[in-house]
């Protein structure tokens, strides 16, 4: 299919869709007018005071009915939203919650205690002060071990042992 043919078909489809949208808009306007003429007729304001009071009473009754239906609809929506949330929680319980990877936080013991106990407690905890002191034994090396040439000679002898066998 050539690009000009494809462009022509696309423009035809868009024209048809635009026509459908116009028809839908006209039908919507006609439906609104029919509903308004049926449910909200134009009031006749020409008359005496009693007729106007009667008209006001009818309008108040109509408003009460609309408010009742609106309240009922809101209650249904709230109830269905609560059911949806409950079902979502059940799904999460069934599937299980994935725990996020925890980040390592470098914090001293003093900072942890201050965070846990609050700023009013001044607690210092020096963990190193409670440790036992251990003396390291220093190994005295013989002068023979310090001579690096001798170590190399010993290693060379070992290498020869493995090569001959």
Protein backbone atom coordinates (compact mmCIF):
# COMPACT_ATOMS: atom_id res chain seq x y z
CA UNK A 1 0.00 0.00 0.00
CA UNK A 2 1.42 3.35 -0.98
CA UNK A 3 1.74 6.20 1.47
CA UNK A 4 -0.73 8.38 -0.48
CA UNK A 5 -3.35 5.60 -0.38
CA UNK A 6 -2.74 5.07 3.32
CA UNK A 7 -3.03 8.84 3.96
CA UNK A 8 -6.29 8.97 1.96
CA UNK A 9 -7.80 6.05 3.94
CA UNK A 10 -6.74 7.61 7.21
CA UNK A 11 -8.37 10.93 6.31
CA UNK A 12 -11.60 9.10 5.34
CA UNK A 13 -11.67 7.26 8.67
CA UNK A 14 -11.13 10.53 10.54
CA UNK A 15 -13.98 12.20 8.60
CA UNK A 16 -16.36 9.33 9.41
CA UNK A 17 -15.35 9.45 13.09
CA UNK A 18 -15.90 13.22 13.19
CA UNK A 19 -19.40 12.71 11.76
CA UNK A 20 -20.20 10.10 14.40
CA UNK A 21 -19.00 12.42 17.19
CA UNK A 22 -21.23 15.23 15.87
CA UNK A 23 -24.23 12.87 15.78
CA UNK A 24 -23.55 11.72 19.34
CA UNK A 25 -23.34 15.34 20.54
CA UNK A 26 -26.67 16.18 18.86
CA UNK A 27 -28.31 13.11 20.43
CA UNK A 28 -26.90 14.08 23.84
CA UNK A 29 -28.28 17.62 23.58
CA UNK A 30 -31.69 16.27 22.50
CA UNK A 31 -31.73 13.79 25.39
CA UNK A 32 -30.89 16.58 27.86
CA UNK A 33 -33.68 18.77 26.51
CA UNK A 34 -36.19 15.91 26.68
CA UNK A 35 -35.20 15.07 30.27
CA UNK A 36 -35.42 18.70 31.37
CA UNK A 37 -38.83 19.22 29.73
CA UNK A 38 -40.11 16.04 31.37
CA UNK A 39 -38.69 16.47 34.88
CA UNK A 40 -38.42 20.26 35.19
CA UNK A 41 -41.26 22.01 33.37
CA UNK A 42 -41.13 25.78 33.08
CA UNK A 43 -43.02 27.18 36.06
CA UNK A 44 -45.99 29.45 35.52
CA UNK A 45 -45.21 32.48 37.66
CA UNK A 46 -48.31 34.41 36.70
CA UNK A 47 -50.83 33.97 39.45
CA UNK A 48 -51.75 34.86 42.98
CA UNK A 49 -49.69 34.38 46.17
CA UNK A 50 -51.28 31.01 47.06
CA UNK A 51 -50.32 29.53 43.68
CA UNK A 52 -46.72 30.69 44.11
CA UNK A 53 -46.55 29.22 47.63
CA UNK A 54 -47.91 25.93 46.31
CA UNK A 55 -45.23 25.98 43.59
CA UNK A 56 -42.51 26.61 46.21
CA UNK A 57 -43.77 23.66 48.29
CA UNK A 58 -43.65 21.38 45.23
CA UNK A 59 -40.11 22.54 44.45
CA UNK A 60 -39.00 21.88 48.05
CA UNK A 61 -40.50 18.38 47.91
CA UNK A 62 -38.68 17.73 44.64
CA UNK A 63 -35.42 18.98 46.21
CA UNK A 64 -35.95 16.66 49.19
CA UNK A 65 -36.40 13.68 46.85
CA UNK A 66 -33.24 14.59 44.93
CA UNK A 67 -31.29 15.00 48.20
CA UNK A 68 -32.52 11.61 49.41
CA UNK A 69 -31.47 9.90 46.20
CA UNK A 70 -28.09 11.70 46.28
CA UNK A 71 -27.53 10.63 49.90
CA UNK A 72 -28.43 7.02 49.03
CA UNK A 73 -26.04 7.06 46.08
CA UNK A 74 -23.23 8.47 48.26
CA UNK A 75 -23.86 5.79 50.89
CA UNK A 76 -23.69 3.07 48.22
CA UNK A 77 -20.44 4.50 46.87
CA UNK A 78 -18.89 4.66 50.35
CA UNK A 79 -19.96 1.09 51.10
CA UNK A 80 -18.56 -0.19 47.81
CA UNK A 81 -15.29 1.73 48.38
CA UNK A 82 -14.93 0.12 51.81
CA UNK A 83 -15.56 -3.32 50.29
CA UNK A 84 -12.96 -2.62 47.61
CA UNK A 85 -10.38 -1.60 50.20
CA UNK A 86 -11.18 -4.70 52.27
CA UNK A 87 -10.75 -6.94 49.22
CA UNK A 88 -7.46 -5.21 48.37
CA UNK A 89 -6.21 -5.89 51.90
CA UNK A 90 -7.24 -9.55 51.58
CA UNK A 91 -5.35 -9.81 48.29
CA UNK A 92 -2.25 -8.28 49.89
CA UNK A 93 -2.57 -10.73 52.80
CA UNK A 94 -2.86 -13.68 50.42
CA UNK A 95 -0.02 -12.62 48.17
CA UNK A 96 2.22 -11.48 50.96
CA UNK A 97 4.09 -8.26 51.45
CA UNK A 98 7.52 -7.95 49.92
CA UNK A 99 9.95 -6.46 52.38
CA UNK A 100 12.10 -3.72 50.90
CA UNK A 101 15.84 -4.03 51.03
CA UNK A 102 17.13 -2.31 54.13
CA UNK A 103 19.86 0.26 53.85
CA UNK A 104 22.88 0.15 56.10
CA UNK A 105 23.07 3.15 58.37
CA UNK A 106 26.26 4.01 60.13
CA UNK A 107 25.41 5.31 63.56
CA UNK A 108 27.35 5.35 66.75
CA UNK A 109 25.99 3.80 69.94
CA UNK A 110 25.57 7.27 71.45
CA UNK A 111 23.55 8.44 68.47
CA UNK A 112 21.34 5.32 68.66
CA UNK A 113 20.65 5.82 72.36
CA UNK A 114 19.89 9.49 71.81
CA UNK A 115 17.48 8.61 69.00
CA UNK A 116 15.75 5.97 71.13
CA UNK A 117 15.63 7.85 74.39
CA UNK A 118 15.16 11.33 73.00
CA UNK A 119 17.22 14.47 73.30
CA UNK A 120 16.57 14.94 77.02
CA UNK A 121 18.66 11.90 78.04
CA UNK A 122 22.38 12.44 77.82
CA UNK A 123 23.77 8.95 77.85
CA UNK A 124 27.29 8.25 76.71
CA UNK A 125 28.29 4.76 76.04
CA UNK A 126 31.90 4.10 75.31
CA UNK A 127 32.00 0.44 74.37
CA UNK A 128 35.77 0.33 74.09
CA UNK A 129 36.31 1.33 77.71
CA UNK A 130 34.69 -1.90 78.96
CA UNK A 131 36.89 -4.19 76.92
CA UNK A 132 39.64 -6.24 78.48
CA UNK A 133 43.17 -5.21 77.79
CA UNK A 134 45.16 -7.94 76.13
CA UNK A 135 48.89 -7.71 75.89
CA UNK A 136 50.34 -8.77 72.59
CA UNK A 137 53.37 -11.00 72.77
CA UNK A 138 56.11 -9.71 70.60
CA UNK A 139 58.04 -12.51 68.98
CA UNK A 140 61.71 -11.90 68.91
CA UNK A 141 63.08 -12.94 65.62
CA UNK A 142 66.46 -14.47 65.35
CA UNK A 143 69.07 -12.74 63.24
CA UNK A 144 69.06 -15.77 60.96
CA UNK A 145 65.42 -15.21 59.97
CA UNK A 146 66.14 -11.59 59.18
CA UNK A 147 68.65 -12.48 56.53
CA UNK A 148 66.57 -12.63 53.35
CA UNK A 149 69.28 -14.30 51.30
CA UNK A 150 69.09 -17.41 53.47
CA UNK A 151 65.30 -17.64 53.00
CA UNK A 152 65.73 -17.53 49.24
CA UNK A 153 68.33 -20.27 49.35
CA UNK A 154 66.02 -22.47 51.45
CA UNK A 155 63.19 -22.00 48.96
CA UNK A 156 65.45 -22.81 46.06
CA UNK A 157 66.45 -26.09 47.74
CA UNK A 158 62.77 -27.03 48.18
CA UNK A 159 62.05 -26.25 44.55
CA UNK A 160 64.84 -28.57 43.47
CA UNK A 161 63.39 -31.33 45.66
CA UNK A 162 60.06 -31.20 43.84
CA UNK A 163 61.63 -31.00 40.40
CA UNK A 164 63.76 -34.12 40.83
CA UNK A 165 60.96 -36.29 42.08
